[in-house]
Amino acid sequence: MVVEQRGPLSVVIPVYNEERRLGKTLARIGEYLSKQPYESEILVVDDGSADRTVAVAESAGLGGRLRVIRHEVNRGKGAAVRTGMAAGRGRFALFSDADLSTPIEEIENFWPRFDAGCDVVIGSRGLPESRIEVHQNIIRETMGRTFNRLVRLLVVPGIHDTQCGFKMFSRRAVEAVFPRCELDGWAFDVEALALAQRLGLRVAEVPVRWVNSPDTRVRAFRASTQMFFDLLRLRRRFNRDNSEL
């Protein structure tokens, strides 16, 4: 794959009540994309925000590069990502958290994996080469490690970090995976990666730089409980009927 084939790129940002940090994030992503040799677009998917998130997005000054898609009610991050990935027009689609805990520049490390024939490339905080510049507190980190062990055991073998919010799919992978996704909550990443593996797509895990945002929207204990039960749902689903793939 030559540089000119690295695109067009769709960048999907799922948001919920992100008026405080979205403007800065969009400015940084827009500046980065403006310097790239490929075409690109940014899709902000507002998941029923009650604040000025939509107004901030619409005033970002990114012209025709930006599209804002709205959910009238809050449906969950998984639903927002599905909406954005389906609406993207790019040959590749990246979804990124609104806090840019993984800097947009880390995408540079993804292209060689697509060059080598991968269909899905995901950022990882769990590899020896990963660069964690600001850590979560010890409780969140412990819960995260425990959850990832359960994920590898029950649903997605071989992947060290399924929850880093920086993942990129070829359009072929988007069209194969996301119409089959059902989870709206925080475990949607696990479902997408499990489906990719079961569909025979090539998935690569790449170490990234990561900076924890103290203004996280994730409530650790509530989210962990939901994710645990979603893992059990996925385990039952895939054990019950792999013929759906």
Protein backbone atom coordinates (compact mmCIF):
# COMPACT_ATOMS: atom_id res chain seq x y z
CA MET A 1 0.00 0.00 0.00
CA VAL A 2 1.45 3.37 -0.97
CA VAL A 3 0.88 6.61 0.87
CA GLU A 4 -1.76 7.80 -1.60
CA GLN A 5 -3.86 4.75 -0.70
CA ARG A 6 -3.87 5.68 2.98
CA GLY A 7 -7.27 7.23 2.83
CA PRO A 8 -9.81 8.57 2.58
CA LEU A 9 -10.08 8.42 6.36
CA SER A 10 -13.15 8.87 8.56
CA VAL A 11 -12.49 9.86 12.19
CA VAL A 12 -15.47 9.06 14.42
CA ILE A 13 -15.77 10.76 17.81
CA PRO A 14 -18.64 9.55 20.03
CA VAL A 15 -19.60 12.24 22.53
CA TYR A 16 -21.91 12.73 25.48
CA ASN A 17 -21.88 16.02 27.42
CA GLU A 18 -18.42 16.96 26.17
CA GLU A 19 -18.78 20.73 25.76
CA ARG A 20 -15.72 21.43 27.94
CA ARG A 21 -13.10 19.54 25.96
CA LEU A 22 -14.57 18.84 22.53
CA GLY A 23 -13.51 22.13 20.96
CA LYS A 24 -9.85 21.59 21.79
CA THR A 25 -10.01 17.99 20.59
CA LEU A 26 -11.56 18.93 17.26
CA ALA A 27 -9.00 21.68 16.72
CA ARG A 28 -6.14 19.26 17.32
CA ILE A 29 -7.56 16.54 15.07
CA GLY A 30 -8.41 19.06 12.36
CA GLU A 31 -4.91 20.52 12.41
CA TYR A 32 -3.35 17.08 12.15
CA LEU A 33 -5.58 15.92 9.30
CA SER A 34 -5.02 19.13 7.35
CA LYS A 35 -1.35 18.21 7.03
CA GLN A 36 -1.91 14.69 5.71
CA PRO A 37 -1.68 13.71 2.02
CA TYR A 38 -5.01 11.86 2.07
CA GLU A 39 -8.62 13.04 2.19
CA SER A 40 -10.39 12.86 5.52
CA GLU A 41 -13.55 13.69 7.42
CA ILE A 42 -14.52 14.02 11.08
CA LEU A 43 -17.83 12.67 12.33
CA VAL A 44 -18.99 13.80 15.76
CA VAL A 45 -21.79 11.53 16.98
CA ASP A 46 -23.66 13.22 19.81
CA ASP A 47 -25.34 10.62 22.01
CA GLY A 48 -28.18 12.71 23.40
CA SER A 49 -26.12 15.35 25.21
CA ALA A 50 -27.91 17.75 27.54
CA ASP A 51 -25.26 20.46 27.35
CA ARG A 52 -23.77 22.56 24.50
CA THR A 53 -21.81 19.70 22.92
CA VAL A 54 -23.54 20.01 19.54
CA ALA A 55 -23.11 23.79 19.45
CA VAL A 56 -19.40 23.44 20.24
CA ALA A 57 -18.98 20.89 17.44
CA GLU A 58 -20.87 22.98 14.91
CA SER A 59 -18.78 26.06 15.71
CA ALA A 60 -15.44 24.27 15.44
CA GLY A 61 -14.60 25.96 12.15
CA LEU A 62 -13.69 22.80 10.26
CA GLY A 63 -15.91 23.51 7.28
CA GLY A 64 -16.92 20.62 5.07
CA ARG A 65 -14.51 18.27 6.84
CA LEU A 66 -16.86 17.97 9.84
CA ARG A 67 -20.26 16.29 10.13
CA VAL A 68 -22.37 16.21 13.28
CA ILE A 69 -24.82 13.35 13.79
CA ARG A 70 -27.29 13.40 16.66
CA HIS A 71 -29.02 10.74 18.73
CA GLU A 72 -32.11 12.31 20.25
CA VAL A 73 -31.69 10.22 23.42
CA ASN A 74 -28.68 8.74 25.15
CA ARG A 75 -28.19 5.21 23.84
CA GLY A 76 -24.62 4.38 24.89
CA LYS A 77 -21.13 4.65 23.46
CA GLY A 78 -21.45 1.45 21.45
CA ALA A 79 -24.52 2.78 19.65
CA ALA A 80 -22.77 6.10 18.93
CA VAL A 81 -19.73 4.35 17.47
CA ARG A 82 -21.91 2.12 15.29
CA THR A 83 -23.73 5.16 13.94
CA GLY A 84 -20.50 6.94 13.08
CA MET A 85 -18.75 3.95 11.54
CA ALA A 86 -21.76 3.23 9.33
CA ALA A 87 -22.02 6.88 8.23
CA GLY A 88 -18.34 7.25 7.40
CA ARG A 89 -17.34 7.48 3.76
CA GLY A 90 -13.64 6.73 4.15
CA ARG A 91 -11.75 3.67 3.01
CA PHE A 92 -10.60 3.51 6.65
CA ALA A 93 -12.48 4.48 9.81
CA LEU A 94 -10.92 5.36 13.14
CA PHE A 95 -12.89 5.92 16.31
CA SER A 96 -11.32 7.97 19.06
CA ASP A 97 -12.40 9.08 22.52
CA ALA A 98 -13.22 12.76 22.91
CA ASP A 99 -10.50 13.26 25.53
CA LEU A 100 -7.73 12.21 23.09
CA SER A 101 -6.08 10.11 25.79
CA THR A 102 -4.42 8.48 22.81
CA PRO A 103 -3.08 11.39 20.73
CA ILE A 104 -4.29 11.50 17.13
CA GLU A 105 -0.66 11.33 15.96
CA GLU A 106 -0.51 7.69 17.06
CA ILE A 107 -2.35 6.82 13.86
CA GLU A 108 1.06 6.97 12.15
CA ASN A 109 1.90 3.64 13.79
CA PHE A 110 -1.24 2.04 12.39
CA TRP A 111 -0.58 2.46 8.68
CA PRO A 112 2.27 -0.09 8.45
CA ARG A 113 -0.07 -2.76 9.81
CA PHE A 114 -2.63 -1.98 7.14
CA ASP A 115 0.22 -2.01 4.62
CA ALA A 116 0.91 -5.57 5.77
CA GLY A 117 -2.68 -6.65 5.13
CA CYS A 118 -4.40 -6.17 8.48
CA ASP A 119 -8.11 -5.37 8.55
CA VAL A 120 -8.32 -3.97 12.09
CA VAL A 121 -5.62 -2.14 14.07
CA ILE A 122 -6.17 -1.23 17.71
CA GLY A 123 -4.23 0.92 20.16
CA SER A 124 -3.03 -0.86 23.27
CA ARG A 125 -1.94 0.18 26.73
CA GLY A 126 -1.12 -3.42 27.63
CA LEU A 127 2.04 -4.12 25.62
CA PRO A 128 5.60 -3.74 26.91
CA GLU A 129 6.22 -0.93 24.41
CA SER A 130 3.09 1.04 25.40
CA ARG A 131 3.86 4.45 26.85
CA ILE A 132 1.55 5.32 29.75
CA GLU A 133 2.44 8.92 30.60
CA VAL A 134 -0.34 9.53 33.15
CA HIS A 135 -1.79 6.48 34.88
CA GLN A 136 -5.28 5.84 36.16
CA ASN A 137 -5.62 5.39 39.88
CA ILE A 138 -4.71 1.98 41.27
CA ILE A 139 -8.34 0.85 41.61
CA ARG A 140 -9.17 1.57 37.96
CA GLU A 141 -5.94 0.00 36.73
CA THR A 142 -6.53 -3.15 38.79
CA MET A 143 -10.12 -3.41 37.58
CA GLY A 144 -8.94 -2.91 33.99
CA ARG A 145 -6.33 -5.66 34.20
CA THR A 146 -8.86 -8.03 35.74
CA PHE A 147 -11.41 -7.26 33.04
CA ASN A 148 -8.87 -7.84 30.27
CA ARG A 149 -7.95 -11.24 31.72
CA LEU A 150 -11.62 -12.20 31.70
CA VAL A 151 -11.96 -10.95 28.12
CA ARG A 152 -9.04 -13.12 26.95
CA LEU A 153 -10.39 -16.11 28.83
CA LEU A 154 -14.03 -15.85 27.79
CA VAL A 155 -14.31 -14.03 24.46
CA VAL A 156 -11.26 -12.53 22.75
CA PRO A 157 -8.04 -14.56 23.11
CA GLY A 158 -4.69 -13.00 22.37
CA ILE A 159 -5.52 -9.30 22.82
CA HIS A 160 -4.06 -7.54 25.86
CA ASP A 161 -6.17 -4.37 25.88
CA THR A 162 -9.61 -4.27 24.30
CA GLN A 163 -10.70 -1.01 25.96
CA CYS A 164 -8.30 1.61 24.65
CA GLY A 165 -10.57 4.04 22.79
CA PHE A 166 -8.48 4.27 19.64
CA LYS A 167 -9.33 1.66 17.00
CA MET A 168 -9.21 1.67 13.22
CA PHE A 169 -10.99 -0.53 10.68
CA SER A 170 -10.77 -0.91 6.94
CA ARG A 171 -14.08 -0.24 5.22
CA ARG A 172 -14.33 -3.97 4.49
CA ALA A 173 -14.02 -4.68 8.22
CA VAL A 174 -16.54 -1.95 9.11
CA GLU A 175 -19.12 -3.48 6.79
CA ALA A 176 -18.47 -6.99 8.09
CA VAL A 177 -18.37 -6.26 11.82
CA PHE A 178 -20.59 -3.37 12.85
CA PRO A 179 -23.92 -4.52 11.33
CA ARG A 180 -23.52 -7.63 13.53
CA CYS A 181 -22.89 -5.68 16.73
CA GLU A 182 -25.65 -5.51 19.33
CA LEU A 183 -24.15 -4.03 22.51
CA ASP A 184 -24.72 -0.34 23.23
CA GLY A 185 -22.62 -0.14 26.40
CA TRP A 186 -18.93 -0.09 27.29
CA ALA A 187 -18.23 -3.70 26.22
CA PHE A 188 -18.97 -2.89 22.57
CA ASP A 189 -15.21 -2.95 21.85
CA VAL A 190 -15.03 -6.56 23.00
CA GLU A 191 -17.96 -7.52 20.81
CA ALA A 192 -16.47 -5.83 17.73
CA LEU A 193 -13.09 -7.51 18.20
CA ALA A 194 -14.66 -10.90 18.93
CA LEU A 195 -16.68 -10.66 15.73
CA ALA A 196 -13.61 -9.60 13.75
CA GLN A 197 -11.70 -12.64 14.97
CA ARG A 198 -14.57 -15.01 14.26
CA LEU A 199 -14.98 -13.57 10.76
CA GLY A 200 -11.34 -14.32 10.02
CA LEU A 201 -10.25 -10.69 9.80
CA ARG A 202 -6.64 -9.86 10.64
CA VAL A 203 -6.43 -7.88 13.88
CA ALA A 204 -3.23 -6.16 15.04
CA GLU A 205 -2.61 -4.68 18.49
CA VAL A 206 -0.19 -1.74 18.47
CA PRO A 207 1.41 -0.02 21.49
CA VAL A 208 0.41 3.62 21.83
CA ARG A 209 1.13 6.65 23.96
CA TRP A 210 -1.67 7.19 26.47
CA VAL A 211 -2.43 9.95 28.96
CA ASN A 212 -5.25 9.35 31.46
CA SER A 213 -7.87 12.08 31.56
CA PRO A 214 -9.00 12.85 35.12
CA ASP A 215 -12.33 14.10 33.72
CA THR A 216 -13.46 10.64 32.68
CA ARG A 217 -17.14 9.94 31.97
CA VAL A 218 -16.80 6.29 33.04
CA ARG A 219 -18.12 5.40 36.48
CA ALA A 220 -15.80 2.51 37.30
CA PHE A 221 -17.94 0.19 39.46
CA ARG A 222 -21.17 0.70 37.54
CA ALA A 223 -19.43 0.26 34.18
CA SER A 224 -17.50 -2.80 35.36
CA THR A 225 -20.69 -4.53 36.49
CA GLN A 226 -22.38 -3.82 33.17
CA MET A 227 -19.33 -4.98 31.22
CA PHE A 228 -19.09 -8.22 33.19
CA PHE A 229 -22.68 -9.16 32.38
CA ASP A 230 -22.14 -8.14 28.75
CA LEU A 231 -19.14 -10.50 28.63
CA LEU A 232 -21.35 -13.34 29.80
CA ARG A 233 -23.94 -12.40 27.15
CA LEU A 234 -21.27 -12.49 24.45
CA ARG A 235 -19.93 -15.82 25.68
CA ARG A 236 -23.41 -17.34 25.54
CA ARG A 237 -24.13 -15.78 22.17
CA PHE A 238 -21.00 -17.10 20.49
CA ASN A 239 -21.25 -20.52 22.13
CA ARG A 240 -24.90 -20.81 21.12
CA ASP A 241 -24.69 -20.04 17.46
CA ASN A 242 -21.56 -19.40 15.42
CA SER A 243 -23.54 -20.04 12.24
CA GLU A 244 -24.68 -16.40 12.27
CA LEU A 245 -21.21 -15.47 11.07
